[in-house]
Each structure stands twice: as C-alpha cells, then as structure tokens.
Amino acid sequence: MLRAFKRREDLLPALQNLRERYGLSHISFLVVHSGGNAGPYPYYCTTYPDTWTRIYVDKRYFDIDPVIHVVRSELLPVDWSALDRQPRQVQNFFREARSYGIGPHGLTIPIRGRNGERSLFSVTSDLPKREWARLRASSIHELHILSHYFHEAALSASGLREDDRYRTLSGREGQCLQLLAKGRISKQIAADLGISQNAVKLYLRSTRLKLGAATSHQAVGRATFLELIEI
C-alpha cells in the first residue's frame, strides 16, 4: 500500500489506512528539519481534526510541545507518558489537545535521515491504559519500520528530497535485513542462516552504512522503500 503512493496527495490516505489497520486514534508525521534551506517545519501530514491542526499552527504550539523536543535527543520511540508535563503551559496544551480527541496515550518515533533530515512519526490512542499497553507492545516493531519507510516516501513525494542512488546490498546483507524486518533478533538470524552472531552484526552494520541509516530499523524502512527487501 505504501509503495503505491508517489504524490503528496497520497500521503494522508496512507496515514488514514495505517490508522485503521492498527486500531489507532490518530497518526501524525512532521518533518522537523528537511536538511536543506527550507524554513522551520517544512512539511506535515496528520489525521488530527482540521480545527486542532489550525489551532496548533496558529498558536505556535511547536514551541511548547514536548514531543517536538524528542527529535533532538532520542533515537528510539518515546511513549508520551515519559514526557515532562510539569510546566503549566504544557499541562494546558495537553488538556486542550484532549478536548479535540488527541490522546491521552501516544508514541513518537524520531527519524534521522542521512542528509540531516529529522522527522517525527506519532501515533495516539484513546484506549484504556492496559489496552493501550498491549497495542503498543504488539505493534511497536512494525510501526518503527513503517515510520522510516514513510519518512523516505514522504520526503520524495513532497519534493523535499530528490531520489538518489544507494550501494547494492550483498546476498547476506539482504538476508539479515529481511529477517530483521520479520522481527528476528541477531541471535535468531544467526541460527536461521547458520552463521555467527558477530557476523550478523557486521552484516547489519554494513547495511546501515550502505543505506545511510542511523539504525537498523531505519535501514529496513529504507531498503523496503527501495524495494531491496520485502516485509
């Protein structure tokens, strides 16, 4: 489904489709920095209500939203329950967001591209706390990979980045990345392929270097986008 979209207009339907498939309330994608000379927050795509999106932009909530700061210091997904909500303005911000059906639970995945791009992929849920914990645990691996795939596709479709070439993956590199995409860890990949765990780590490191990825999940997303592997 994600491979099918090529234009900016295709991005929102893709987010809506993902939201329905995973049983989420909303999904939001924000390019914090495009790596070029564009101004702040050059592109966003969200399933949030239009009214809330306008309020968020008009009141410059970019400046106080603690989710935005995740991209500056984190590489791994951050649950919103771990965010600092002590400042009164932040408390008021989340309270107002709740009034428009945003939250109360959320997860944000920071994405860093090879050309300095930085993006945020956030999902929200209004499920009871225990059900949200189960949904998060069952879907976080796939959402982590899909967020990096969406980053690659969105930057291309929005015109913020021209497609460029990558070095071809070797057979072993492709196999290791393919198995990682299926949720296997290094020890399991080593057993599946009959090689050492250290060899697996070297192959995955090599794929990250070839694909210009900061993490293995990002390498999976990028390789999928480029149709080097299937998920």
Protein backbone atom coordinates (compact mmCIF):
# COMPACT_ATOMS: atom_id res chain seq x y z
CA MET A 1 0.00 0.00 0.00
CA LEU A 2 2.79 2.42 0.88
CA ARG A 3 4.71 1.64 -2.28
CA ALA A 4 1.69 2.69 -4.34
CA PHE A 5 1.79 6.35 -3.44
CA LYS A 6 4.01 8.69 -5.38
CA ARG A 7 2.38 12.10 -4.90
CA ARG A 8 1.90 14.43 -1.95
CA GLU A 9 -1.87 13.87 -2.21
CA ASP A 10 -1.39 10.15 -1.50
CA LEU A 11 0.22 10.66 1.93
CA LEU A 12 -2.86 11.46 4.03
CA PRO A 13 -4.90 8.47 2.72
CA ALA A 14 -1.89 6.29 3.55
CA LEU A 15 -1.86 7.56 7.14
CA GLN A 16 -5.61 7.02 7.41
CA ASN A 17 -5.19 3.46 6.14
CA LEU A 18 -2.44 2.74 8.70
CA ARG A 19 -4.55 4.25 11.48
CA GLU A 20 -7.41 1.88 10.67
CA ARG A 21 -5.18 -1.18 10.26
CA TYR A 22 -3.58 -0.72 13.68
CA GLY A 23 -6.68 0.46 15.55
CA LEU A 24 -5.18 3.84 16.45
CA SER A 25 -6.95 7.15 17.05
CA HIS A 26 -4.58 9.30 15.00
CA ILE A 27 -1.23 9.31 13.21
CA SER A 28 0.87 12.40 12.56
CA PHE A 29 4.06 12.88 10.55
CA LEU A 30 6.15 16.05 10.87
CA VAL A 31 9.38 16.99 9.11
CA VAL A 32 11.20 19.00 11.77
CA HIS A 33 14.20 19.70 9.54
CA SER A 34 14.48 18.91 5.84
CA GLY A 35 18.28 19.08 5.66
CA GLY A 36 18.08 21.93 3.14
CA ASN A 37 17.33 25.62 3.30
CA ALA A 38 13.60 25.33 3.91
CA GLY A 39 12.09 27.14 6.88
CA PRO A 40 11.06 25.54 10.17
CA TYR A 41 8.67 22.59 9.94
CA PRO A 42 8.59 22.47 6.13
CA TYR A 43 6.04 19.65 5.89
CA TYR A 44 3.48 17.82 8.00
CA CYS A 45 0.71 15.31 7.34
CA THR A 46 -1.78 14.30 10.01
CA THR A 47 -5.13 12.64 10.66
CA TYR A 48 -5.78 15.11 13.51
CA PRO A 49 -9.01 17.16 13.17
CA ASP A 50 -8.52 20.20 10.95
CA THR A 51 -9.65 22.51 13.76
CA TRP A 52 -6.96 21.24 16.12
CA THR A 53 -4.30 21.40 13.41
CA ARG A 54 -5.14 25.06 12.71
CA ILE A 55 -5.07 25.91 16.41
CA TYR A 56 -1.74 24.10 16.82
CA VAL A 57 -0.17 26.04 13.94
CA ASP A 58 -1.75 29.42 14.74
CA LYS A 59 -0.74 29.30 18.41
CA ARG A 60 2.76 28.05 17.53
CA TYR A 61 2.46 25.03 19.77
CA PHE A 62 5.58 23.73 18.02
CA ASP A 63 7.46 25.83 20.58
CA ILE A 64 5.99 24.19 23.70
CA ASP A 65 5.01 20.70 22.53
CA PRO A 66 7.42 18.33 24.38
CA VAL A 67 7.01 15.79 21.56
CA ILE A 68 8.96 18.12 19.25
CA HIS A 69 11.97 18.02 21.55
CA VAL A 70 12.15 14.22 21.23
CA VAL A 71 13.86 14.53 17.84
CA ARG A 72 16.77 16.48 19.35
CA SER A 73 17.92 13.85 21.81
CA GLU A 74 16.28 10.48 21.11
CA LEU A 75 16.76 7.71 18.55
CA LEU A 76 14.25 5.23 19.98
CA PRO A 77 10.45 5.50 20.27
CA VAL A 78 9.23 7.58 23.21
CA ASP A 79 5.94 6.92 24.99
CA TRP A 80 4.15 10.15 25.84
CA SER A 81 3.82 9.01 29.46
CA ALA A 82 7.60 9.64 29.75
CA LEU A 83 7.35 13.27 28.61
CA ASP A 84 7.82 16.15 31.04
CA ARG A 85 4.35 17.61 31.61
CA GLN A 86 5.16 19.66 34.71
CA PRO A 87 5.23 23.17 33.14
CA ARG A 88 1.76 24.71 33.37
CA GLN A 89 1.71 25.68 29.69
CA VAL A 90 2.45 22.06 28.75
CA GLN A 91 -0.36 20.83 31.01
CA ASN A 92 -2.74 23.31 29.36
CA PHE A 93 -1.52 22.20 25.93
CA PHE A 94 -2.30 18.52 26.58
CA ARG A 95 -5.62 19.43 28.17
CA GLU A 96 -6.63 21.38 25.07
CA ALA A 97 -5.44 18.54 22.82
CA ARG A 98 -7.62 16.10 24.76
CA SER A 99 -10.65 18.31 24.10
CA TYR A 100 -10.12 17.68 20.37
CA GLY A 101 -9.74 13.92 20.77
CA ILE A 102 -5.93 13.78 20.81
CA GLY A 103 -4.58 11.23 23.25
CA PRO A 104 -4.47 10.56 26.08
CA HIS A 105 -1.88 7.97 25.05
CA GLY A 106 0.75 8.39 22.40
CA LEU A 107 4.03 7.14 20.99
CA THR A 108 6.52 9.19 18.99
CA ILE A 109 9.27 7.72 16.80
CA PRO A 110 12.13 10.10 15.89
CA ILE A 111 13.69 9.66 12.46
CA ARG A 112 17.07 10.98 11.30
CA GLY A 113 17.95 10.89 7.62
CA ARG A 114 21.38 10.69 6.05
CA ASN A 115 21.18 14.26 4.72
CA GLY A 116 20.38 15.80 8.08
CA GLU A 117 16.61 15.39 7.80
CA ARG A 118 14.75 14.97 11.06
CA SER A 119 11.16 13.84 11.31
CA LEU A 120 8.66 12.67 13.90
CA PHE A 121 6.10 9.90 13.42
CA SER A 122 3.50 9.92 16.20
CA VAL A 123 0.53 7.68 16.94
CA THR A 124 -2.19 8.28 19.52
CA SER A 125 -4.84 6.19 21.21
CA ASP A 126 -7.85 6.75 23.46
CA LEU A 127 -7.96 3.13 24.61
CA PRO A 128 -7.88 2.32 28.35
CA LYS A 129 -4.32 2.29 29.70
CA ARG A 130 -3.98 -1.51 29.83
CA GLU A 131 -5.33 -2.00 26.30
CA TRP A 132 -3.03 0.74 25.00
CA ALA A 133 -0.05 -1.04 26.57
CA ARG A 134 -0.98 -4.25 24.73
CA LEU A 135 -1.49 -2.43 21.42
CA ARG A 136 1.83 -0.61 21.79
CA ALA A 137 3.72 -3.81 22.61
CA SER A 138 2.20 -5.75 19.69
CA SER A 139 2.70 -3.07 17.04
CA ILE A 140 5.79 -1.05 18.01
CA HIS A 141 8.21 -3.13 15.91
CA GLU A 142 6.17 -2.74 12.73
CA LEU A 143 5.41 0.94 13.40
CA HIS A 144 9.12 1.60 13.93
CA ILE A 145 9.94 0.19 10.50
CA LEU A 146 6.93 1.80 8.81
CA SER A 147 7.84 5.22 10.24
CA HIS A 148 11.21 5.14 8.47
CA TYR A 149 9.58 3.90 5.27
CA PHE A 150 7.02 6.71 5.47
CA HIS A 151 9.82 9.24 6.04
CA GLU A 152 11.56 8.16 2.84
CA ALA A 153 8.36 8.16 0.79
CA ALA A 154 7.09 11.46 2.22
CA LEU A 155 10.31 13.36 1.53
CA SER A 156 10.29 12.12 -2.06
CA ALA A 157 6.56 12.72 -2.66
CA SER A 158 6.62 16.16 -1.05
CA GLY A 159 9.58 17.29 -3.14
CA LEU A 160 11.84 17.87 -0.15
CA ARG A 161 14.36 15.36 -1.44
CA GLU A 162 15.32 14.06 -4.83
CA ASP A 163 15.76 10.31 -5.14
CA ASP A 164 19.39 9.26 -5.21
CA ARG A 165 21.31 6.04 -5.52
CA TYR A 166 22.43 3.56 -2.89
CA ARG A 167 25.04 0.87 -2.99
CA THR A 168 23.62 -2.59 -3.71
CA LEU A 169 23.28 -4.96 -0.76
CA SER A 170 25.06 -8.30 -0.83
CA GLY A 171 23.08 -11.52 -0.55
CA ARG A 172 23.91 -11.99 3.14
CA GLU A 173 23.20 -8.34 3.94
CA GLY A 174 19.80 -8.63 2.30
CA GLN A 175 19.03 -11.86 4.15
CA CYS A 176 19.95 -10.39 7.53
CA LEU A 177 17.89 -7.27 6.91
CA GLN A 178 14.96 -9.33 5.62
CA LEU A 179 14.91 -11.45 8.78
CA LEU A 180 15.26 -8.37 10.98
CA ALA A 181 12.21 -6.93 9.25
CA LYS A 182 10.28 -10.06 10.25
CA GLY A 183 11.07 -9.42 13.92
CA ARG A 184 14.03 -11.76 14.33
CA ILE A 185 16.89 -10.68 16.63
CA SER A 186 20.60 -11.16 15.90
CA LYS A 187 20.84 -14.50 17.73
CA GLN A 188 17.86 -15.92 15.84
CA ILE A 189 19.12 -14.59 12.50
CA ALA A 190 22.47 -16.26 13.12
CA ALA A 191 20.74 -19.60 13.79
CA ASP A 192 18.50 -19.24 10.72
CA LEU A 193 21.45 -18.54 8.41
CA GLY A 194 23.99 -20.82 10.08
CA ILE A 195 26.48 -18.02 10.76
CA SER A 196 27.87 -16.43 13.91
CA GLN A 197 26.05 -13.69 15.78
CA ASN A 198 29.07 -11.42 15.28
CA ALA A 199 28.79 -11.95 11.53
CA VAL A 200 25.14 -10.94 11.66
CA LYS A 201 26.05 -7.74 13.49
CA LEU A 202 28.72 -6.96 10.89
CA TYR A 203 26.27 -7.53 8.02
CA LEU A 204 23.66 -5.28 9.65
CA ARG A 205 26.28 -2.61 10.29
CA SER A 206 27.28 -2.83 6.64
CA THR A 207 23.66 -2.37 5.51
CA ARG A 208 23.35 0.73 7.69
CA LEU A 209 26.47 2.21 6.12
CA LYS A 210 25.37 1.41 2.56
CA LEU A 211 21.89 2.81 3.11
CA GLY A 212 23.00 5.83 5.13
CA ALA A 213 20.85 4.71 8.06
CA ALA A 214 21.38 5.61 11.71
CA THR A 215 19.65 2.47 13.00
CA SER A 216 18.82 -0.99 11.70
CA HIS A 217 15.10 -0.18 11.75
CA GLN A 218 15.80 2.80 9.54
CA ALA A 219 17.82 0.54 7.22
CA VAL A 220 14.83 -1.81 6.97
CA GLY A 221 12.48 1.06 6.17
CA ARG A 222 14.83 2.47 3.55
CA ALA A 223 15.56 -0.93 1.97
CA THR A 224 11.84 -1.64 1.76
CA PHE A 225 11.17 1.74 0.19
CA LEU A 226 13.86 1.00 -2.40
CA GLU A 227 12.41 -2.49 -2.95
CA LEU A 228 15.67 -4.16 -1.88
CA ILE A 229 13.74 -6.37 0.58
CA GLU A 230 10.12 -7.32 1.26
CA ILE A 231 8.20 -7.02 4.54
